[in-house]
Structure formats: structure tokens, C-alpha cells
Amino acid sequence: MVLAAYNAKSPQEIQSFDIEGYFEQLNLIKHLSPSRGNGLKAMVARIRETAARFA
């Protein structure tokens, strides 16, 4: 899901993309255990941090 959201986006687009809204549209977080949800959020944070270095 994260790959589908960020694939082929520039660092600037990654920074401005509303990933939380994307996850809400998919009702994704509701279907994940708390541990998996935290892991997903950690991946997103890492991607955004990396994109910020290249923006």
C-alpha cells in the first residue's frame, strides 16, 4: 500500500502527499493490529525523512 502511494513521486510530492487521508480512504488502519499499524506508520515516517533530505 505504501509503495502504491509513493511510487514514482518526487521527494516534494512525497512530502505533500496526505498519506493519512489515503489510509483513511482505504480503511486500512482499521484492519491492522496495533503493532502492524505502528510498523506502517514507522515506514511512512522513514520514507518522509528520506524524502526531506532530497527535497
N, C-alpha and C. Protein backbone atom coordinates (compact mmCIF):
# COMPACT_ATOMS: atom_id res chain seq x y z
N MET A 1 0.83 -1.19 0.00
CA MET A 1 0.00 0.00 0.00
C MET A 1 0.87 1.25 0.00
N VAL A 2 1.95 1.20 0.77
CA VAL A 2 2.84 2.36 0.83
C VAL A 2 3.53 2.55 -0.52
N LEU A 3 3.96 1.45 -1.12
CA LEU A 3 4.59 1.55 -2.44
C LEU A 3 3.62 2.14 -3.46
N ALA A 4 2.38 1.69 -3.44
CA ALA A 4 1.39 2.22 -4.37
C ALA A 4 1.17 3.72 -4.16
N ALA A 5 1.25 4.17 -2.92
CA ALA A 5 1.03 5.58 -2.61
C ALA A 5 2.19 6.46 -3.06
N TYR A 6 3.41 5.96 -2.92
CA TYR A 6 4.59 6.79 -3.16
C TYR A 6 5.33 6.51 -4.46
N ASN A 7 4.99 5.44 -5.15
CA ASN A 7 5.72 5.05 -6.35
C ASN A 7 5.75 6.17 -7.38
N ALA A 8 6.95 6.43 -7.89
CA ALA A 8 7.20 7.42 -8.95
C ALA A 8 6.91 8.86 -8.54
N LYS A 9 6.83 9.13 -7.24
CA LYS A 9 6.63 10.51 -6.78
C LYS A 9 7.98 11.14 -6.45
N SER A 10 8.08 12.42 -6.68
CA SER A 10 9.29 13.16 -6.33
C SER A 10 9.34 13.35 -4.81
N PRO A 11 10.50 13.70 -4.28
CA PRO A 11 10.57 13.98 -2.84
C PRO A 11 9.58 15.05 -2.39
N GLN A 12 9.38 16.06 -3.22
CA GLN A 12 8.43 17.12 -2.88
C GLN A 12 7.00 16.58 -2.84
N GLU A 13 6.66 15.72 -3.79
CA GLU A 13 5.33 15.13 -3.83
C GLU A 13 5.11 14.21 -2.63
N ILE A 14 6.13 13.49 -2.23
CA ILE A 14 6.04 12.62 -1.05
C ILE A 14 5.77 13.45 0.19
N GLN A 15 6.46 14.57 0.32
CA GLN A 15 6.29 15.43 1.48
C GLN A 15 4.87 16.02 1.54
N SER A 16 4.29 16.32 0.40
CA SER A 16 2.98 16.97 0.40
C SER A 16 1.82 15.98 0.32
N PHE A 17 2.09 14.71 0.05
CA PHE A 17 1.03 13.71 -0.10
C PHE A 17 0.39 13.42 1.25
N ASP A 18 -0.93 13.40 1.29
CA ASP A 18 -1.69 13.13 2.52
C ASP A 18 -1.84 11.62 2.69
N ILE A 19 -0.82 11.00 3.25
CA ILE A 19 -0.84 9.55 3.41
C ILE A 19 -1.89 9.11 4.41
N GLU A 20 -2.11 9.90 5.45
CA GLU A 20 -3.15 9.55 6.43
C GLU A 20 -4.52 9.53 5.77
N GLY A 21 -4.79 10.52 4.93
CA GLY A 21 -6.05 10.56 4.19
C GLY A 21 -6.19 9.38 3.24
N TYR A 22 -5.09 9.00 2.62
CA TYR A 22 -5.05 7.84 1.73
C TYR A 22 -5.41 6.57 2.51
N PHE A 23 -4.80 6.39 3.67
CA PHE A 23 -5.10 5.23 4.50
C PHE A 23 -6.55 5.24 4.98
N GLU A 24 -7.06 6.41 5.29
CA GLU A 24 -8.47 6.52 5.73
C GLU A 24 -9.42 6.14 4.60
N GLN A 25 -9.12 6.57 3.39
CA GLN A 25 -9.97 6.22 2.24
C GLN A 25 -10.05 4.71 2.07
N LEU A 26 -8.94 4.04 2.34
CA LEU A 26 -8.88 2.59 2.19
C LEU A 26 -9.36 1.84 3.43
N ASN A 27 -9.64 2.56 4.51
CA ASN A 27 -9.96 1.95 5.80
C ASN A 27 -8.89 0.97 6.23
N LEU A 28 -7.66 1.28 5.89
CA LEU A 28 -6.55 0.36 6.11
C LEU A 28 -6.22 0.18 7.59
N ILE A 29 -6.09 1.25 8.33
CA ILE A 29 -5.66 1.17 9.72
C ILE A 29 -6.64 0.35 10.55
N LYS A 30 -7.91 0.42 10.23
CA LYS A 30 -8.93 -0.34 10.98
C LYS A 30 -8.73 -1.85 10.84
N HIS A 31 -8.07 -2.26 9.77
CA HIS A 31 -7.89 -3.69 9.50
C HIS A 31 -6.54 -4.21 9.97
N LEU A 32 -5.74 -3.37 10.59
CA LEU A 32 -4.43 -3.79 11.06
C LEU A 32 -4.40 -3.88 12.58
N SER A 33 -3.61 -4.79 13.08
CA SER A 33 -3.39 -4.84 14.53
C SER A 33 -2.63 -3.58 14.93
N PRO A 34 -2.67 -3.21 16.19
CA PRO A 34 -1.92 -2.03 16.62
C PRO A 34 -0.43 -2.11 16.28
N SER A 35 0.13 -3.29 16.41
CA SER A 35 1.55 -3.46 16.10
C SER A 35 1.83 -3.23 14.62
N ARG A 36 1.00 -3.78 13.77
CA ARG A 36 1.17 -3.59 12.32
C ARG A 36 0.92 -2.14 11.94
N GLY A 37 -0.06 -1.51 12.55
CA GLY A 37 -0.33 -0.10 12.29
C GLY A 37 0.86 0.78 12.67
N ASN A 38 1.48 0.48 13.80
CA ASN A 38 2.66 1.23 14.22
C ASN A 38 3.82 1.00 13.26
N GLY A 39 3.97 -0.22 12.79
CA GLY A 39 5.02 -0.51 11.81
C GLY A 39 4.81 0.24 10.51
N LEU A 40 3.57 0.30 10.07
CA LEU A 40 3.23 1.03 8.85
C LEU A 40 3.56 2.52 9.02
N LYS A 41 3.17 3.07 10.15
CA LYS A 41 3.46 4.49 10.41
C LYS A 41 4.95 4.75 10.49
N ALA A 42 5.71 3.80 11.03
CA ALA A 42 7.17 3.95 11.11
C ALA A 42 7.79 3.93 9.71
N MET A 43 7.28 3.07 8.83
CA MET A 43 7.78 3.05 7.45
C MET A 43 7.52 4.37 6.76
N VAL A 44 6.32 4.89 6.93
CA VAL A 44 5.96 6.16 6.31
C VAL A 44 6.85 7.28 6.85
N ALA A 45 7.10 7.29 8.14
CA ALA A 45 7.95 8.31 8.73
C ALA A 45 9.36 8.25 8.15
N ARG A 46 9.88 7.04 7.99
CA ARG A 46 11.22 6.88 7.43
C ARG A 46 11.29 7.35 5.98
N ILE A 47 10.28 7.03 5.20
CA ILE A 47 10.22 7.47 3.80
C ILE A 47 10.16 8.98 3.74
N ARG A 48 9.34 9.59 4.59
CA ARG A 48 9.21 11.05 4.59
C ARG A 48 10.52 11.72 5.03
N GLU A 49 11.21 11.14 5.99
CA GLU A 49 12.51 11.68 6.43
C GLU A 49 13.52 11.62 5.30
N THR A 50 13.55 10.51 4.60
CA THR A 50 14.47 10.36 3.46
C THR A 50 14.13 11.35 2.36
N ALA A 51 12.84 11.50 2.05
CA ALA A 51 12.41 12.43 1.01
C ALA A 51 12.78 13.87 1.40
N ALA A 52 12.68 14.19 2.69
CA ALA A 52 13.01 15.55 3.15
C ALA A 52 14.48 15.87 2.88
N ARG A 53 15.35 14.88 2.97
CA ARG A 53 16.77 15.11 2.71
C ARG A 53 17.03 15.43 1.25
N PHE A 54 16.16 14.96 0.36
CA PHE A 54 16.36 15.17 -1.08
C PHE A 54 15.46 16.25 -1.65
N ALA A 55 14.60 16.81 -0.84
CA ALA A 55 13.67 17.84 -1.33
C ALA A 55 14.37 19.17 -1.50
